[in-house]
Amino acid sequence: MKFTIMPDPTPGHFYRAQNNDTVLGLTGRAYGVRSGSTRMRLSQLLVSHPHNWRIRRPPKNKFERQFYPQGLIRLARRFPCADKAYEADPWDPLSGGSCRPLMYIPPKTDVWFKPPVEVVQRASLLCWAAALTSLSLSRDLNLAFPDQIDLASHFLGERITVGRPGRGSVRRRLVMRSNLGLRLWPRQELKADPPAHAFTKGEMTATFMARAFGLNINSYFGDLKPDPVNKKRDKKLTIGEIQRLLKAADNPIIMFRALGEDTKTPGHVSVVFGASEEDDHYLEMDPFTTSNSGSVFGTEDTITLRDGRHLTGDIVGHDAREIYVLH
């Protein structure tokens, strides 16, 4: 995304609010639409874009709470006058000032939903439970769990605890209990089984979860040469495809990434809730929080904005062998 400022509100560029601007008014000018449901929907898209989060204020009345529950863009003279202040990453706070804000006008094909419930994984092997707990608390599914430990215990058939590796710990029980396919692609399995089995193990896990929560599932295998079992599903995952799935679900979606044999972790799971094919960005709730987990917004340490190069790998750059999207 290039930082360019236009004198009029233009999709794909920044625009500085003027004296008589309103959110609905500048939305109509930006997208060439008059009053009605289309203009309202596009104004909600504008307000929801991550680059505009830091210039929002809470809703003030019934109308705003109904149509802009995440808040409305503040158009008052309370923001920095220097354009450079907006060139920084969008999660960096803006210092006070006496000018109206610069806002980003997203392409009208973008999809940006309300951030899902933040759930940080409580152990290294619980990303799947944290992500699915978040999704179950954020949208209406067949199953809902208030806590990732409750979710993991439900599928493993026994109460689990978080502790050091060893008897009774999450790590040991998750590795040993494999009847439900919840091992999430352990490295030793990839090394021991033929390639076709290595592929289908990941799909077994993701398919089981999709059925349990009442979700659809799509399989993607990147640029790898497909094996006989999966040759018809060798489809590359792109930002455009994520955007299409988000639109179809009209909700956040889950991404399972199965990594290669040379990585320290067998796979990773996250919740994706926004994407722009034109700007090559997507937005996710990543349960794993470290210095490598990406750029964060406010106090939500799991919320990250990434570009297309991170879509098919993990947070440190390992390419995924298999990717499954639950939507």
C-alpha atoms as a PDB file:
ATOM      1  CA  MET A   1       0.000   0.000   0.000  1.00  0.00           C
ATOM      2  CA  LYS A   2       1.492   3.310  -1.090  1.00  0.00           C
ATOM      3  CA  PHE A   3       1.069   6.379   1.097  1.00  0.00           C
ATOM      4  CA  THR A   4      -0.541   8.850  -1.297  1.00  0.00           C
ATOM      5  CA  ILE A   5      -2.853  11.750  -0.404  1.00  0.00           C
ATOM      6  CA  MET A   6      -5.548  12.921  -2.770  1.00  0.00           C
ATOM      7  CA  PRO A   7      -7.423  16.272  -2.679  1.00  0.00           C
ATOM      8  CA  ASP A   8     -10.733  14.387  -3.006  1.00  0.00           C
ATOM      9  CA  PRO A   9     -11.706  11.094  -1.324  1.00  0.00           C
ATOM     10  CA  THR A  10     -10.446   8.410  -3.702  1.00  0.00           C
ATOM     11  CA  PRO A  11     -10.411   4.611  -3.119  1.00  0.00           C
ATOM     12  CA  GLY A  12      -6.910   3.302  -2.494  1.00  0.00           C
ATOM     13  CA  HIS A  13      -5.554   6.624  -1.216  1.00  0.00           C
ATOM     14  CA  PHE A  14      -5.515   8.834   1.878  1.00  0.00           C
ATOM     15  CA  TYR A  15      -7.652  11.964   2.173  1.00  0.00           C
ATOM     16  CA  ARG A  16      -7.643  14.767   4.754  1.00  0.00           C
ATOM     17  CA  ALA A  17     -11.093  15.649   6.058  1.00  0.00           C
ATOM     18  CA  GLN A  18     -12.401  19.112   5.241  1.00  0.00           C
ATOM     19  CA  ASN A  19     -14.588  21.544   7.195  1.00  0.00           C
ATOM     20  CA  ASN A  20     -18.004  20.368   6.024  1.00  0.00           C
ATOM     21  CA  ASP A  21     -17.268  16.660   5.658  1.00  0.00           C
ATOM     22  CA  THR A  22     -19.396  13.926   7.188  1.00  0.00           C
ATOM     23  CA  VAL A  23     -18.608  10.220   7.009  1.00  0.00           C
ATOM     24  CA  LEU A  24     -21.654   9.502   4.871  1.00  0.00           C
ATOM     25  CA  GLY A  25     -21.027  12.525   2.672  1.00  0.00           C
ATOM     26  CA  LEU A  26     -17.420  11.756   1.836  1.00  0.00           C
ATOM     27  CA  THR A  27     -18.342   8.084   1.346  1.00  0.00           C
ATOM     28  CA  GLY A  28     -20.796   9.134  -1.340  1.00  0.00           C
ATOM     29  CA  ARG A  29     -18.171  11.273  -3.055  1.00  0.00           C
ATOM     30  CA  ALA A  30     -15.483   8.577  -2.848  1.00  0.00           C
ATOM     31  CA  TYR A  31     -17.554   5.769  -4.347  1.00  0.00           C
ATOM     32  CA  GLY A  32     -20.010   7.749  -6.470  1.00  0.00           C
ATOM     33  CA  VAL A  33     -23.117   6.584  -4.617  1.00  0.00           C
ATOM     34  CA  ARG A  34     -26.104   8.485  -3.275  1.00  0.00           C
ATOM     35  CA  SER A  35     -28.026   7.963  -0.060  1.00  0.00           C
ATOM     36  CA  GLY A  36     -29.191   4.445   0.651  1.00  0.00           C
ATOM     37  CA  SER A  37     -28.050   1.045   1.889  1.00  0.00           C
ATOM     38  CA  THR A  38     -25.059   0.919  -0.481  1.00  0.00           C
ATOM     39  CA  ARG A  39     -23.659   4.175   0.852  1.00  0.00           C
ATOM     40  CA  MET A  40     -24.216   3.027   4.438  1.00  0.00           C
ATOM     41  CA  ARG A  41     -22.421  -0.278   3.761  1.00  0.00           C
ATOM     42  CA  LEU A  42     -19.453   1.486   2.163  1.00  0.00           C
ATOM     43  CA  SER A  43     -19.247   3.975   5.034  1.00  0.00           C
ATOM     44  CA  GLN A  44     -19.059   1.019   7.428  1.00  0.00           C
ATOM     45  CA  LEU A  45     -16.251  -0.411   5.305  1.00  0.00           C
ATOM     46  CA  LEU A  46     -14.376   2.886   5.513  1.00  0.00           C
ATOM     47  CA  VAL A  47     -14.765   3.081   9.277  1.00  0.00           C
ATOM     48  CA  SER A  48     -13.707  -0.562   9.706  1.00  0.00           C
ATOM     49  CA  HIS A  49     -10.434  -0.307   7.778  1.00  0.00           C
ATOM     50  CA  PRO A  50      -7.421  -0.885  10.098  1.00  0.00           C
ATOM     51  CA  HIS A  51      -5.756   2.359   8.980  1.00  0.00           C
ATOM     52  CA  ASN A  52      -8.717   4.286  10.387  1.00  0.00           C
ATOM     53  CA  TRP A  53      -8.922   2.577  13.777  1.00  0.00           C
ATOM     54  CA  ARG A  54      -6.746   5.180  15.481  1.00  0.00           C
ATOM     55  CA  ILE A  55      -8.956   8.099  14.396  1.00  0.00           C
ATOM     56  CA  ARG A  56     -12.236   6.555  15.592  1.00  0.00           C
ATOM     57  CA  ARG A  57     -14.312   7.545  18.590  1.00  0.00           C
ATOM     58  CA  PRO A  58     -16.950   5.477  20.445  1.00  0.00           C
ATOM     59  CA  PRO A  59     -20.552   5.665  19.181  1.00  0.00           C
ATOM     60  CA  LYS A  60     -22.560   8.419  20.867  1.00  0.00           C
ATOM     61  CA  ASN A  61     -26.219   7.676  20.141  1.00  0.00           C
ATOM     62  CA  LYS A  62     -28.664   4.943  19.105  1.00  0.00           C
ATOM     63  CA  PHE A  63     -28.066   5.483  15.387  1.00  0.00           C
ATOM     64  CA  GLU A  64     -24.288   5.205  15.737  1.00  0.00           C
ATOM     65  CA  ARG A  65     -24.525   2.193  18.042  1.00  0.00           C
ATOM     66  CA  GLN A  66     -26.732   0.448  15.485  1.00  0.00           C
ATOM     67  CA  PHE A  67     -24.747   1.195  12.325  1.00  0.00           C
ATOM     68  CA  TYR A  68     -21.230   1.891  13.666  1.00  0.00           C
ATOM     69  CA  PRO A  69     -20.852  -0.292  16.785  1.00  0.00           C
ATOM     70  CA  GLN A  70     -17.047  -0.219  16.464  1.00  0.00           C
ATOM     71  CA  GLY A  71     -17.061   3.583  16.537  1.00  0.00           C
ATOM     72  CA  LEU A  72     -17.159   6.443  14.069  1.00  0.00           C
ATOM     73  CA  ILE A  73     -14.299   8.429  12.515  1.00  0.00           C
ATOM     74  CA  ARG A  74     -13.606  11.609  14.470  1.00  0.00           C
ATOM     75  CA  LEU A  75     -13.515  14.532  12.029  1.00  0.00           C
ATOM     76  CA  ALA A  76     -12.674  17.291  14.535  1.00  0.00           C
ATOM     77  CA  ARG A  77      -9.409  19.274  14.587  1.00  0.00           C
ATOM     78  CA  ARG A  78      -7.618  17.045  17.078  1.00  0.00           C
ATOM     79  CA  PHE A  79      -4.977  15.359  14.940  1.00  0.00           C
ATOM     80  CA  PRO A  80      -1.414  16.066  13.734  1.00  0.00           C
ATOM     81  CA  CYS A  81      -1.084  18.493  10.839  1.00  0.00           C
ATOM     82  CA  ALA A  82       2.066  16.829   9.469  1.00  0.00           C
ATOM     83  CA  ASP A  83       1.319  14.192   6.838  1.00  0.00           C
ATOM     84  CA  LYS A  84       4.403  12.276   7.988  1.00  0.00           C
ATOM     85  CA  ALA A  85       2.653  11.331  11.220  1.00  0.00           C
ATOM     86  CA  TYR A  86       0.354   9.084   9.188  1.00  0.00           C
ATOM     87  CA  GLU A  87       3.136   7.323   7.311  1.00  0.00           C
ATOM     88  CA  ALA A  88       3.941   5.293  10.420  1.00  0.00           C
ATOM     89  CA  ASP A  89       2.374   1.888  10.952  1.00  0.00           C
ATOM     90  CA  PRO A  90      -1.363   2.236  11.644  1.00  0.00           C
ATOM     91  CA  TRP A  91      -1.118   0.749  15.147  1.00  0.00           C
ATOM     92  CA  ASP A  92       1.168   3.615  16.263  1.00  0.00           C
ATOM     93  CA  PRO A  93      -0.851   6.189  18.242  1.00  0.00           C
ATOM     94  CA  LEU A  94      -1.218   9.707  16.878  1.00  0.00           C
ATOM     95  CA  SER A  95      -0.105  12.641  19.025  1.00  0.00           C
ATOM     96  CA  GLY A  96      -2.485  15.567  19.469  1.00  0.00           C
ATOM     97  CA  GLY A  97      -2.773  18.442  17.021  1.00  0.00           C
ATOM     98  CA  SER A  98      -5.099  21.055  15.551  1.00  0.00           C
ATOM     99  CA  CYS A  99      -5.879  19.550  12.129  1.00  0.00           C
ATOM    100  CA  ARG A 100      -8.562  17.258  10.797  1.00  0.00           C
ATOM    101  CA  PRO A 101      -7.487  13.627  10.326  1.00  0.00           C
ATOM    102  CA  LEU A 102      -6.039  11.880   7.325  1.00  0.00           C
ATOM    103  CA  MET A 103      -8.151   8.816   6.599  1.00  0.00           C
ATOM    104  CA  TYR A 104      -7.701   5.907   4.249  1.00  0.00           C
ATOM    105  CA  ILE A 105     -10.384   5.300   1.614  1.00  0.00           C
ATOM    106  CA  PRO A 106     -10.329   1.520   1.020  1.00  0.00           C
ATOM    107  CA  PRO A 107     -11.143  -0.143  -2.298  1.00  0.00           C
ATOM    108  CA  LYS A 108     -14.849  -0.935  -2.254  1.00  0.00           C
ATOM    109  CA  THR A 109     -14.141  -4.648  -2.755  1.00  0.00           C
ATOM    110  CA  ASP A 110     -12.319  -4.884   0.614  1.00  0.00           C
ATOM    111  CA  VAL A 111     -13.666  -6.943   3.517  1.00  0.00           C
ATOM    112  CA  TRP A 112     -13.001  -5.809   7.115  1.00  0.00           C
ATOM    113  CA  PHE A 113     -14.989  -7.296   9.995  1.00  0.00           C
ATOM    114  CA  LYS A 114     -15.082  -6.465  13.676  1.00  0.00           C
ATOM    115  CA  PRO A 115     -12.072  -8.044  15.455  1.00  0.00           C
ATOM    116  CA  PRO A 116     -12.954 -11.465  16.875  1.00  0.00           C
ATOM    117  CA  VAL A 117     -12.637 -12.148  20.589  1.00  0.00           C
ATOM    118  CA  GLU A 118      -8.961 -12.129  21.543  1.00  0.00           C
ATOM    119  CA  VAL A 119      -7.742 -15.497  22.864  1.00  0.00           C
ATOM    120  CA  VAL A 120      -4.030 -16.021  23.556  1.00  0.00           C
ATOM    121  CA  GLN A 121      -2.971 -19.664  23.474  1.00  0.00           C
ATOM    122  CA  ARG A 122      -2.024 -20.952  26.907  1.00  0.00           C
ATOM    123  CA  ALA A 123       0.506 -23.515  25.674  1.00  0.00           C
ATOM    124  CA  SER A 124       2.588 -24.085  22.568  1.00  0.00           C
ATOM    125  CA  LEU A 125       0.244 -26.752  21.184  1.00  0.00           C
ATOM    126  CA  LEU A 126      -3.027 -24.947  21.866  1.00  0.00           C
ATOM    127  CA  CYS A 127      -3.228 -22.523  18.933  1.00  0.00           C
ATOM    128  CA  TRP A 128      -6.028 -24.616  17.391  1.00  0.00           C
ATOM    129  CA  ALA A 129      -8.052 -24.499  20.622  1.00  0.00           C
ATOM    130  CA  ALA A 130      -7.463 -20.771  21.116  1.00  0.00           C
ATOM    131  CA  ALA A 131      -8.437 -19.909  17.534  1.00  0.00           C
ATOM    132  CA  LEU A 132     -11.564 -22.073  17.552  1.00  0.00           C
ATOM    133  CA  THR A 133     -12.586 -20.681  20.953  1.00  0.00           C
ATOM    134  CA  SER A 134     -12.262 -17.165  19.559  1.00  0.00           C
ATOM    135  CA  LEU A 135     -14.361 -18.020  16.525  1.00  0.00           C
ATOM    136  CA  SER A 136     -17.029 -19.732  18.639  1.00  0.00           C
ATOM    137  CA  LEU A 137     -17.322 -16.588  20.774  1.00  0.00           C
ATOM    138  CA  SER A 138     -17.360 -14.272  17.754  1.00  0.00           C
ATOM    139  CA  ARG A 139     -19.978 -15.880  15.485  1.00  0.00           C
ATOM    140  CA  ASP A 140     -22.861 -18.328  15.718  1.00  0.00           C
ATOM    141  CA  LEU A 141     -21.533 -21.884  15.346  1.00  0.00           C
ATOM    142  CA  ASN A 142     -22.706 -25.398  16.226  1.00  0.00           C
ATOM    143  CA  LEU A 143     -20.439 -25.326  19.285  1.00  0.00           C
ATOM    144  CA  ALA A 144     -19.351 -22.546  21.641  1.00  0.00           C
ATOM    145  CA  PHE A 145     -16.724 -22.673  24.369  1.00  0.00           C
ATOM    146  CA  PRO A 146     -15.899 -19.983  26.951  1.00  0.00           C
ATOM    147  CA  ASP A 147     -12.313 -21.163  27.341  1.00  0.00           C
ATOM    148  CA  GLN A 148      -9.676 -22.889  25.193  1.00  0.00           C
ATOM    149  CA  ILE A 149      -9.024 -25.507  27.888  1.00  0.00           C
ATOM    150  CA  ASP A 150     -12.718 -26.432  27.882  1.00  0.00           C
ATOM    151  CA  LEU A 151     -12.594 -26.752  24.093  1.00  0.00           C
ATOM    152  CA  ALA A 152      -9.453 -28.884  24.090  1.00  0.00           C
ATOM    153  CA  SER A 153     -10.788 -31.079  26.891  1.00  0.00           C
ATOM    154  CA  HIS A 154     -14.051 -31.593  25.007  1.00  0.00           C
ATOM    155  CA  PHE A 155     -12.331 -32.947  21.916  1.00  0.00           C
ATOM    156  CA  LEU A 156      -9.712 -34.967  23.750  1.00  0.00           C
ATOM    157  CA  GLY A 157     -12.306 -36.634  25.956  1.00  0.00           C
ATOM    158  CA  GLU A 158     -10.521 -35.778  29.203  1.00  0.00           C
ATOM    159  CA  ARG A 159      -9.634 -32.755  31.297  1.00  0.00           C
ATOM    160  CA  ILE A 160      -6.234 -31.345  30.384  1.00  0.00           C
ATOM    161  CA  THR A 161      -3.912 -29.122  32.341  1.00  0.00           C
ATOM    162  CA  VAL A 162      -1.297 -26.604  31.344  1.00  0.00           C
ATOM    163  CA  GLY A 163       2.170 -27.260  32.707  1.00  0.00           C
ATOM    164  CA  ARG A 164       5.671 -28.421  31.931  1.00  0.00           C
ATOM    165  CA  PRO A 165       6.172 -31.196  29.370  1.00  0.00           C
ATOM    166  CA  GLY A 166       5.573 -34.504  31.099  1.00  0.00           C
ATOM    167  CA  ARG A 167       2.770 -36.534  32.531  1.00  0.00           C
ATOM    168  CA  GLY A 168      -0.493 -34.591  32.762  1.00  0.00           C
ATOM    169  CA  SER A 169       0.695 -31.659  30.659  1.00  0.00           C
ATOM    170  CA  VAL A 170      -0.931 -30.308  27.536  1.00  0.00           C
ATOM    171  CA  ARG A 171       2.055 -31.281  25.417  1.00  0.00           C
ATOM    172  CA  ARG A 172       2.058 -34.955  26.423  1.00  0.00           C
ATOM    173  CA  ARG A 173      -1.671 -35.563  26.152  1.00  0.00           C
ATOM    174  CA  LEU A 174      -2.055 -33.757  22.835  1.00  0.00           C
ATOM    175  CA  VAL A 175       0.707 -35.872  21.337  1.00  0.00           C
ATOM    176  CA  MET A 176      -0.597 -39.166  22.734  1.00  0.00           C
ATOM    177  CA  ARG A 177      -4.299 -38.748  21.958  1.00  0.00           C
ATOM    178  CA  SER A 178      -4.488 -39.173  18.181  1.00  0.00           C
ATOM    179  CA  ASN A 179      -7.828 -40.936  17.604  1.00  0.00           C
ATOM    180  CA  LEU A 180      -9.578 -37.655  16.749  1.00  0.00           C
ATOM    181  CA  GLY A 181      -6.813 -36.348  14.542  1.00  0.00           C
ATOM    182  CA  LEU A 182      -5.836 -33.582  16.971  1.00  0.00           C
ATOM    183  CA  ARG A 183      -2.108 -34.104  16.791  1.00  0.00           C
ATOM    184  CA  LEU A 184      -1.875 -31.289  14.266  1.00  0.00           C
ATOM    185  CA  TRP A 185       0.799 -32.688  12.003  1.00  0.00           C
ATOM    186  CA  PRO A 186       3.605 -33.703  14.407  1.00  0.00           C
ATOM    187  CA  ARG A 187       7.027 -33.837  12.769  1.00  0.00           C
ATOM    188  CA  GLN A 188       7.668 -37.475  13.605  1.00  0.00           C
ATOM    189  CA  GLU A 189       4.503 -38.429  11.729  1.00  0.00           C
ATOM    190  CA  LEU A 190       5.576 -36.548   8.611  1.00  0.00           C
ATOM    191  CA  LYS A 191       8.933 -38.290   8.668  1.00  0.00           C
ATOM    192  CA  ALA A 192       7.558 -41.771   9.299  1.00  0.00           C
ATOM    193  CA  ASP A 193       4.634 -41.895   6.854  1.00  0.00           C
ATOM    194  CA  PRO A 194       4.610 -41.824   3.049  1.00  0.00           C
ATOM    195  CA  PRO A 195       3.896 -38.395   1.506  1.00  0.00           C
ATOM    196  CA  ALA A 196       0.231 -39.187   0.822  1.00  0.00           C
ATOM    197  CA  HIS A 197      -0.327 -40.004   4.488  1.00  0.00           C
ATOM    198  CA  ALA A 198       1.452 -36.839   5.562  1.00  0.00           C
ATOM    199  CA  PHE A 199      -0.990 -34.813   3.488  1.00  0.00           C
ATOM    200  CA  THR A 200      -4.149 -36.579   4.623  1.00  0.00           C
ATOM    201  CA  LYS A 201      -3.296 -36.341   8.344  1.00  0.00           C
ATOM    202  CA  GLY A 202      -3.634 -32.568   8.253  1.00  0.00           C
ATOM    203  CA  GLU A 203      -6.865 -32.789   6.322  1.00  0.00           C
ATOM    204  CA  MET A 204      -8.295 -35.259   8.829  1.00  0.00           C
ATOM    205  CA  THR A 205      -7.811 -32.762  11.644  1.00  0.00           C
ATOM    206  CA  ALA A 206      -9.216 -29.775   9.768  1.00  0.00           C
ATOM    207  CA  THR A 207     -12.158 -31.729   8.332  1.00  0.00           C
ATOM    208  CA  PHE A 208     -13.098 -33.089  11.744  1.00  0.00           C
ATOM    209  CA  MET A 209     -13.112 -29.571  13.207  1.00  0.00           C
ATOM    210  CA  ALA A 210     -15.105 -28.162  10.299  1.00  0.00           C
ATOM    211  CA  ARG A 211     -17.819 -30.779  10.803  1.00  0.00           C
ATOM    212  CA  ALA A 212     -17.895 -30.311  14.572  1.00  0.00           C
ATOM    213  CA  PHE A 213     -18.396 -26.536  14.332  1.00  0.00           C
ATOM    214  CA  GLY A 214     -20.654 -26.596  11.272  1.00  0.00           C
ATOM    215  CA  LEU A 215     -18.172 -24.913   8.931  1.00  0.00           C
ATOM    216  CA  ASN A 216     -17.247 -25.445   5.296  1.00  0.00           C
ATOM    217  CA  ILE A 217     -13.654 -26.343   4.432  1.00  0.00           C
ATOM    218  CA  ASN A 218     -11.368 -25.573   1.487  1.00  0.00           C
ATOM    219  CA  SER A 219      -7.983 -27.258   0.934  1.00  0.00           C
ATOM    220  CA  TYR A 220      -4.919 -25.561  -0.560  1.00  0.00           C
ATOM    221  CA  PHE A 221      -1.493 -27.025  -1.258  1.00  0.00           C
ATOM    222  CA  GLY A 222       0.474 -24.035  -2.497  1.00  0.00           C
ATOM    223  CA  ASP A 223       3.097 -24.740  -5.149  1.00  0.00           C
ATOM    224  CA  LEU A 224       3.817 -28.310  -4.027  1.00  0.00           C
ATOM    225  CA  LYS A 225       3.451 -31.124  -6.528  1.00  0.00           C
ATOM    226  CA  PRO A 226       0.162 -32.842  -5.604  1.00  0.00           C
ATOM    227  CA  ASP A 227       0.129 -36.494  -4.596  1.00  0.00           C
ATOM    228  CA  PRO A 228      -2.403 -38.905  -6.185  1.00  0.00           C
ATOM    229  CA  VAL A 229      -4.911 -38.379  -3.374  1.00  0.00           C
ATOM    230  CA  ASN A 230      -4.933 -34.584  -3.578  1.00  0.00           C
ATOM    231  CA  LYS A 231      -4.194 -33.878  -7.232  1.00  0.00           C
ATOM    232  CA  LYS A 232      -7.598 -32.255  -7.808  1.00  0.00           C
ATOM    233  CA  ARG A 233      -7.160 -29.837  -4.911  1.00  0.00           C
ATOM    234  CA  ASP A 234      -3.760 -28.386  -5.733  1.00  0.00           C
ATOM    235  CA  LYS A 235      -4.952 -24.776  -5.585  1.00  0.00           C
ATOM    236  CA  LYS A 236      -2.803 -21.856  -4.518  1.00  0.00           C
ATOM    237  CA  LEU A 237      -4.150 -19.696  -1.710  1.00  0.00           C
ATOM    238  CA  THR A 238      -4.170 -15.962  -2.456  1.00  0.00           C
ATOM    239  CA  ILE A 239      -5.427 -12.788  -0.791  1.00  0.00           C
ATOM    240  CA  GLY A 240      -8.161 -12.696  -3.424  1.00  0.00           C
ATOM    241  CA  GLU A 241      -9.316 -16.182  -2.427  1.00  0.00           C
ATOM    242  CA  ILE A 242      -9.324 -15.220   1.271  1.00  0.00           C
ATOM    243  CA  GLN A 243     -11.359 -12.144   0.394  1.00  0.00           C
ATOM    244  CA  ARG A 244     -13.852 -14.315  -1.507  1.00  0.00           C
ATOM    245  CA  LEU A 245     -14.218 -16.737   1.423  1.00  0.00           C
ATOM    246  CA  LEU A 246     -14.724 -13.873   3.892  1.00  0.00           C
ATOM    247  CA  LYS A 247     -17.474 -12.436   1.720  1.00  0.00           C
ATOM    248  CA  ALA A 248     -19.163 -15.826   1.383  1.00  0.00           C
ATOM    249  CA  ALA A 249     -19.040 -16.460   5.135  1.00  0.00           C
ATOM    250  CA  ASP A 250     -19.857 -12.828   6.034  1.00  0.00           C
ATOM    251  CA  ASN A 251     -17.851 -13.583   9.173  1.00  0.00           C
ATOM    252  CA  PRO A 252     -14.285 -14.247  10.360  1.00  0.00           C
ATOM    253  CA  ILE A 253     -12.776 -17.559   9.185  1.00  0.00           C
ATOM    254  CA  ILE A 254     -10.173 -20.052  10.475  1.00  0.00           C
ATOM    255  CA  MET A 255      -6.868 -20.871   8.765  1.00  0.00           C
ATOM    256  CA  PHE A 256      -4.986 -24.129   9.489  1.00  0.00           C
ATOM    257  CA  ARG A 257      -1.377 -24.112   8.247  1.00  0.00           C
ATOM    258  CA  ALA A 258       0.558 -27.393   8.251  1.00  0.00           C
ATOM    259  CA  LEU A 259       4.285 -26.678   8.103  1.00  0.00           C
ATOM    260  CA  GLY A 260       7.214 -28.606   6.682  1.00  0.00           C
ATOM    261  CA  GLU A 261       9.380 -31.263   8.297  1.00  0.00           C
ATOM    262  CA  ASP A 262      12.238 -28.882   9.055  1.00  0.00           C
ATOM    263  CA  THR A 263      10.244 -26.541  11.327  1.00  0.00           C
ATOM    264  CA  LYS A 264      10.097 -26.579  15.111  1.00  0.00           C
ATOM    265  CA  THR A 265       6.303 -26.671  15.179  1.00  0.00           C
ATOM    266  CA  PRO A 266       3.994 -28.964  13.177  1.00  0.00           C
ATOM    267  CA  GLY A 267       1.486 -26.262  12.267  1.00  0.00           C
ATOM    268  CA  HIS A 268      -0.376 -23.138  13.273  1.00  0.00           C
ATOM    269  CA  VAL A 269      -3.977 -21.939  13.386  1.00  0.00           C
ATOM    270  CA  SER A 270      -5.333 -18.368  13.318  1.00  0.00           C
ATOM    271  CA  VAL A 271      -8.548 -16.395  12.765  1.00  0.00           C
ATOM    272  CA  VAL A 272      -8.676 -14.177   9.646  1.00  0.00           C
ATOM    273  CA  PHE A 273     -11.198 -11.326   9.658  1.00  0.00           C
ATOM    274  CA  GLY A 274     -10.194  -8.903   6.921  1.00  0.00           C
ATOM    275  CA  ALA A 275      -8.551  -8.802   3.495  1.00  0.00           C
ATOM    276  CA  SER A 276      -7.795  -6.469   0.593  1.00  0.00           C
ATOM    277  CA  GLU A 277      -6.736  -8.033  -2.690  1.00  0.00           C
ATOM    278  CA  GLU A 278      -5.993  -4.623  -4.180  1.00  0.00           C
ATOM    279  CA  ASP A 279      -3.758  -3.556  -1.281  1.00  0.00           C
ATOM    280  CA  ASP A 280      -2.347  -7.087  -0.668  1.00  0.00           C
ATOM    281  CA  HIS A 281      -3.116  -7.104   3.059  1.00  0.00           C
ATOM    282  CA  TYR A 282      -5.030  -9.380   5.393  1.00  0.00           C
ATOM    283  CA  LEU A 283      -5.901  -9.081   9.079  1.00  0.00           C
ATOM    284  CA  GLU A 284      -5.855 -11.892  11.627  1.00  0.00           C
ATOM    285  CA  MET A 285      -6.153 -12.787  15.278  1.00  0.00           C
ATOM    286  CA  ASP A 286      -2.998 -14.852  15.884  1.00  0.00           C
ATOM    287  CA  PRO A 287      -3.159 -16.710  19.232  1.00  0.00           C
ATOM    288  CA  PHE A 288       0.649 -16.934  19.415  1.00  0.00           C
ATOM    289  CA  THR A 289       2.194 -13.693  20.703  1.00  0.00           C
ATOM    290  CA  THR A 290       5.930 -13.142  20.441  1.00  0.00           C
ATOM    291  CA  SER A 291       8.203 -10.454  19.050  1.00  0.00           C
ATOM    292  CA  ASN A 292       7.837 -12.219  15.697  1.00  0.00           C
ATOM    293  CA  SER A 293       4.054 -12.321  15.614  1.00  0.00           C
ATOM    294  CA  GLY A 294       3.791  -9.106  13.668  1.00  0.00           C
ATOM    295  CA  SER A 295       2.446  -5.624  14.145  1.00  0.00           C
ATOM    296  CA  VAL A 296      -0.166  -5.191  16.861  1.00  0.00           C
ATOM    297  CA  PHE A 297      -3.023  -2.801  17.501  1.00  0.00           C
ATOM    298  CA  GLY A 298      -3.461  -1.227  20.924  1.00  0.00           C
ATOM    299  CA  THR A 299      -3.664  -3.721  23.757  1.00  0.00           C
ATOM    300  CA  GLU A 300      -4.831  -6.588  21.550  1.00  0.00           C
ATOM    301  CA  ASP A 301      -1.515  -8.377  21.266  1.00  0.00           C
ATOM    302  CA  THR A 302      -2.887 -10.957  18.857  1.00  0.00           C
ATOM    303  CA  ILE A 303      -4.246  -8.616  16.169  1.00  0.00           C
ATOM    304  CA  THR A 304      -1.876  -8.435  13.206  1.00  0.00           C
ATOM    305  CA  LEU A 305      -1.968  -6.842   9.759  1.00  0.00           C
ATOM    306  CA  ARG A 306       0.122  -8.753   7.234  1.00  0.00           C
ATOM    307  CA  ASP A 307       0.777  -8.664   3.528  1.00  0.00           C
ATOM    308  CA  GLY A 308       0.397 -11.443   0.967  1.00  0.00           C
ATOM    309  CA  ARG A 309       3.885 -12.873   1.429  1.00  0.00           C
ATOM    310  CA  HIS A 310       2.917 -14.068   4.952  1.00  0.00           C
ATOM    311  CA  LEU A 311      -0.303 -15.732   3.876  1.00  0.00           C
ATOM    312  CA  THR A 312       1.097 -19.181   3.089  1.00  0.00           C
ATOM    313  CA  GLY A 313       3.663 -19.508   5.867  1.00  0.00           C
ATOM    314  CA  ASP A 314       4.076 -19.166   9.613  1.00  0.00           C
ATOM    315  CA  ILE A 315       5.074 -16.056  11.561  1.00  0.00           C
ATOM    316  CA  VAL A 316       8.813 -16.659  11.056  1.00  0.00           C
ATOM    317  CA  GLY A 317       8.676 -17.414   7.345  1.00  0.00           C
ATOM    318  CA  HIS A 318       8.359 -21.198   7.091  1.00  0.00           C
ATOM    319  CA  ASP A 319       6.282 -22.222   4.075  1.00  0.00           C
ATOM    320  CA  ALA A 320       3.193 -24.342   4.768  1.00  0.00           C
ATOM    321  CA  ARG A 321       2.905 -27.792   3.216  1.00  0.00           C
ATOM    322  CA  GLU A 322      -0.879 -27.749   3.476  1.00  0.00           C
ATOM    323  CA  ILE A 323      -3.429 -25.021   4.228  1.00  0.00           C
ATOM    324  CA  TYR A 324      -7.045 -25.530   5.209  1.00  0.00           C
ATOM    325  CA  VAL A 325      -9.559 -22.702   5.518  1.00  0.00           C
ATOM    326  CA  LEU A 326     -12.687 -23.239   7.618  1.00  0.00           C
ATOM    327  CA  HIS A 327     -15.387 -20.749   6.674  1.00  0.00           C
END
